[in-house]
């Protein structure tokens, strides 16, 4: 059960780049004050209206942090992800699965902490555990561990590229050269998403003087 829960949490938390904001902290190093980076998760439809966690028309998921790195006034921050319609990589489905598993565990009288990746009253799934699990699985499959990264992937950006029909090669090239592009995606509103994939590819190519990447822009369309 914990391994399954960890694999679900991987796609939703640890490849997000905001993973350092999840779970409890004793002291917020940006303010020097005690604070927990707790979170609420809101599932929405295409119009942005909140729907139930099991809703078939779920299109987006909003993650509300109570505080953020460098947020001295504790104003909080909202990270948004949208449905990719990819069967293997969709943060909306991952969020719904996380919420469903948590509900099931509570029904079975499992005592959980306040965090979505809690596995007991005090413990949460740790990034190192999930990383080790993925690396070992890759090794056991006879594949190169160097081809499977568990850090700084900005999975939201990858999802929007997939939804636009870009190939895994395009995503891999951008991530290798300019992974900051992926983090921009989570700050955009639905109406701004349409041109995001092309912009990410163009900016990445210009920044790193890789003109051959521009030719990949129309791939999959």
Protein backbone atom coordinates (compact mmCIF):
# COMPACT_ATOMS: atom_id res chain seq x y z
CA UNK A 1 0.00 0.00 0.00
CA UNK A 2 2.77 2.44 0.88
CA UNK A 3 4.66 1.69 -2.34
CA UNK A 4 1.55 2.36 -4.41
CA UNK A 5 0.85 5.52 -2.46
CA UNK A 6 4.45 6.59 -2.99
CA UNK A 7 4.26 6.09 -6.74
CA UNK A 8 1.09 8.19 -6.89
CA UNK A 9 2.66 10.89 -4.77
CA UNK A 10 5.68 10.95 -7.08
CA UNK A 11 3.74 12.27 -10.04
CA UNK A 12 1.80 14.74 -7.95
CA UNK A 13 4.46 16.11 -5.64
CA UNK A 14 8.07 15.26 -6.15
CA UNK A 15 8.37 16.04 -9.84
CA UNK A 16 6.61 19.36 -9.34
CA UNK A 17 9.66 21.37 -8.21
CA UNK A 18 7.50 22.82 -5.44
CA UNK A 19 8.05 19.63 -3.47
CA UNK A 20 10.01 21.50 -0.81
CA UNK A 21 6.75 23.22 0.13
CA UNK A 22 4.89 20.04 1.00
CA UNK A 23 4.66 18.70 4.50
CA UNK A 24 5.59 20.16 7.88
CA UNK A 25 8.63 22.27 8.64
CA UNK A 26 9.88 23.26 12.09
CA UNK A 27 11.11 26.72 11.11
CA UNK A 28 10.51 28.57 7.86
CA UNK A 29 14.03 29.61 6.88
CA UNK A 30 12.70 32.56 4.88
CA UNK A 31 11.03 34.15 7.91
CA UNK A 32 12.55 32.48 10.95
CA UNK A 33 9.07 31.65 12.20
CA UNK A 34 7.36 28.33 12.84
CA UNK A 35 5.04 27.50 10.01
CA UNK A 36 3.60 24.43 8.30
CA UNK A 37 3.41 24.45 4.54
CA UNK A 38 -0.03 22.88 4.65
CA UNK A 39 -2.12 22.61 1.53
CA UNK A 40 -5.65 22.46 0.26
CA UNK A 41 -6.51 20.87 -3.06
CA UNK A 42 -9.39 22.14 -5.20
CA UNK A 43 -10.62 20.22 -8.24
CA UNK A 44 -12.35 22.31 -10.93
CA UNK A 45 -14.12 21.97 -14.28
CA UNK A 46 -13.26 23.76 -17.54
CA UNK A 47 -15.00 26.91 -16.30
CA UNK A 48 -12.96 26.87 -13.11
CA UNK A 49 -15.93 25.97 -10.91
CA UNK A 50 -15.18 23.63 -8.04
CA UNK A 51 -16.36 20.05 -8.51
CA UNK A 52 -16.13 16.93 -6.39
CA UNK A 53 -12.88 15.03 -6.21
CA UNK A 54 -14.47 12.13 -8.12
CA UNK A 55 -16.05 14.27 -10.86
CA UNK A 56 -15.60 12.88 -14.38
CA UNK A 57 -15.50 16.41 -15.81
CA UNK A 58 -12.57 17.47 -13.64
CA UNK A 59 -10.26 19.63 -15.75
CA UNK A 60 -7.94 21.35 -13.30
CA UNK A 61 -6.47 21.04 -9.85
CA UNK A 62 -5.41 23.98 -7.68
CA UNK A 63 -2.92 23.49 -4.86
CA UNK A 64 -3.15 26.20 -2.20
CA UNK A 65 -0.05 26.65 -0.08
CA UNK A 66 -0.46 28.48 3.22
CA UNK A 67 3.03 29.87 2.81
CA UNK A 68 5.78 29.88 0.25
CA UNK A 69 9.54 30.12 0.15
CA UNK A 70 10.40 33.79 0.59
CA UNK A 71 6.79 34.65 1.46
CA UNK A 72 7.48 36.80 4.50
CA UNK A 73 3.87 37.88 4.91
CA UNK A 74 2.46 34.36 4.62
CA UNK A 75 0.19 35.42 1.78
CA UNK A 76 0.34 31.97 0.28
CA UNK A 77 0.52 30.87 -3.33
CA UNK A 78 -1.63 28.81 -5.68
CA UNK A 79 -0.19 26.30 -8.14
CA UNK A 80 -2.45 25.13 -10.96
CA UNK A 81 -2.32 22.06 -13.17
CA UNK A 82 -4.63 21.10 -16.03
CA UNK A 83 -5.79 17.82 -17.53
CA UNK A 84 -3.35 16.52 -20.13
CA UNK A 85 -5.56 13.67 -21.43
CA UNK A 86 -2.44 11.54 -21.50
CA UNK A 87 -3.17 8.10 -19.97
CA UNK A 88 0.21 7.91 -18.26
CA UNK A 89 0.87 11.48 -17.15
CA UNK A 90 -2.03 13.59 -15.94
CA UNK A 91 -1.85 15.57 -12.71
CA UNK A 92 -5.61 15.97 -12.45
CA UNK A 93 -6.09 12.21 -12.42
CA UNK A 94 -3.19 11.88 -10.00
CA UNK A 95 -4.81 14.41 -7.67
CA UNK A 96 -8.14 12.60 -7.82
CA UNK A 97 -6.43 9.30 -7.08
CA UNK A 98 -4.59 10.79 -4.12
CA UNK A 99 -7.83 12.14 -2.68
CA UNK A 100 -9.61 8.84 -3.31
CA UNK A 101 -6.93 6.77 -1.58
CA UNK A 102 -6.88 9.15 1.37
CA UNK A 103 -10.66 8.85 1.71
CA UNK A 104 -10.45 5.05 1.55
CA UNK A 105 -7.76 4.97 4.22
CA UNK A 106 -9.87 7.11 6.52
CA UNK A 107 -12.84 4.81 5.92
CA UNK A 108 -10.61 1.94 7.07
CA UNK A 109 -9.84 3.95 10.24
CA UNK A 110 -6.24 4.64 9.27
CA UNK A 111 -5.07 7.63 11.29
CA UNK A 112 -3.47 10.14 8.95
CA UNK A 113 -1.76 13.46 9.40
CA UNK A 114 -3.02 16.68 7.78
CA UNK A 115 -0.90 16.36 4.63
CA UNK A 116 -1.97 14.73 1.40
CA UNK A 117 1.07 12.47 1.41
CA UNK A 118 0.62 11.41 5.04
CA UNK A 119 0.88 7.67 5.70
CA UNK A 120 0.31 7.89 9.46
CA UNK A 121 -0.31 10.47 12.17
CA UNK A 122 3.30 11.67 12.01
CA UNK A 123 4.94 10.22 8.90
CA UNK A 124 4.80 11.26 5.27
CA UNK A 125 6.21 9.71 2.11
CA UNK A 126 9.75 11.03 1.72
CA UNK A 127 11.30 12.12 -1.54
CA UNK A 128 14.35 9.91 -0.97
CA UNK A 129 12.11 6.85 -0.60
CA UNK A 130 10.32 7.50 -3.85
CA UNK A 131 13.54 8.30 -5.71
CA UNK A 132 15.10 5.06 -4.49
CA UNK A 133 12.00 3.12 -5.55
CA UNK A 134 12.09 4.55 -9.07
CA UNK A 135 15.83 4.08 -9.49
CA UNK A 136 15.68 0.46 -8.30
CA UNK A 137 12.76 -0.30 -10.61
CA UNK A 138 14.69 1.12 -13.55
CA UNK A 139 17.76 -0.94 -12.67
CA UNK A 140 15.71 -4.13 -12.33
CA UNK A 141 14.27 -3.52 -15.80
CA UNK A 142 17.78 -3.41 -17.23
CA UNK A 143 17.55 0.28 -18.14
CA UNK A 144 19.95 3.12 -17.48
CA UNK A 145 19.22 5.02 -14.27
CA UNK A 146 20.76 8.13 -15.84
CA UNK A 147 17.78 8.36 -18.18
CA UNK A 148 15.29 8.63 -15.31
CA UNK A 149 15.47 11.83 -13.31
CA UNK A 150 13.57 12.41 -10.08
CA UNK A 151 14.29 16.11 -9.61
CA UNK A 152 13.37 19.39 -11.23
CA UNK A 153 11.20 17.96 -13.98
CA UNK A 154 8.42 20.55 -13.63
CA UNK A 155 5.78 17.99 -14.41
CA UNK A 156 3.06 20.59 -15.06
CA UNK A 157 4.94 21.92 -18.05
CA UNK A 158 5.45 18.42 -19.35
CA UNK A 159 1.71 17.81 -19.13
CA UNK A 160 0.82 20.90 -21.13
CA UNK A 161 3.33 19.94 -23.82
CA UNK A 162 1.82 16.46 -23.99
CA UNK A 163 -1.67 17.93 -24.26
CA UNK A 164 -0.48 20.02 -27.22
CA UNK A 165 0.76 16.92 -29.02
CA UNK A 166 4.49 17.44 -28.48
CA UNK A 167 6.61 14.32 -28.38
CA UNK A 168 8.66 12.98 -25.50
CA UNK A 169 11.80 14.09 -27.35
CA UNK A 170 10.70 17.73 -27.34
CA UNK A 171 9.95 17.58 -23.63
CA UNK A 172 13.27 15.89 -22.90
CA UNK A 173 15.24 18.48 -24.89
CA UNK A 174 13.60 21.44 -23.17
CA UNK A 175 13.97 19.92 -19.74
CA UNK A 176 17.66 19.28 -20.34
CA UNK A 177 18.33 22.81 -21.55
CA UNK A 178 15.87 25.17 -19.91
CA UNK A 179 13.74 23.48 -17.27
CA UNK A 180 12.70 26.81 -15.76
CA UNK A 181 10.23 27.07 -18.67
CA UNK A 182 8.18 24.31 -17.08
CA UNK A 183 7.57 26.26 -13.88
CA UNK A 184 5.87 29.14 -15.73
CA UNK A 185 2.99 26.88 -16.73
CA UNK A 186 1.65 26.53 -13.20
CA UNK A 187 1.14 30.30 -12.85
CA UNK A 188 -1.02 30.68 -15.94
CA UNK A 189 -4.78 30.94 -16.22
CA UNK A 190 -6.79 28.66 -18.56
CA UNK A 191 -7.12 31.34 -21.24
CA UNK A 192 -3.35 31.75 -21.42
CA UNK A 193 -2.55 28.06 -21.86
CA UNK A 194 -3.20 27.81 -25.61
CA UNK A 195 0.10 29.27 -26.84
CA UNK A 196 2.22 28.07 -23.94
CA UNK A 197 3.84 25.01 -25.62
CA UNK A 198 5.10 27.01 -28.61
CA UNK A 199 6.36 29.79 -26.36
CA UNK A 200 8.21 27.34 -24.13
CA UNK A 201 9.96 25.76 -27.11
CA UNK A 202 10.88 29.11 -28.71
CA UNK A 203 12.21 30.63 -25.50
CA UNK A 204 14.23 27.52 -24.69
CA UNK A 205 15.77 27.50 -28.17
CA UNK A 206 16.63 31.21 -28.14
CA UNK A 207 18.13 31.12 -24.67
CA UNK A 208 20.48 28.28 -25.46
CA UNK A 209 21.20 29.20 -29.08
CA UNK A 210 19.83 25.91 -30.36
CA UNK A 211 18.03 26.95 -33.55
CA UNK A 212 17.41 23.35 -34.55
CA UNK A 213 14.88 23.08 -31.71
CA UNK A 214 12.58 25.55 -33.45
CA UNK A 215 11.87 22.96 -36.13
CA UNK A 216 10.34 20.75 -33.44
CA UNK A 217 7.67 23.31 -32.61
CA UNK A 218 5.04 21.94 -34.96
CA UNK A 219 5.70 18.32 -34.12
CA UNK A 220 2.60 16.29 -33.40
CA UNK A 221 0.17 18.90 -34.69
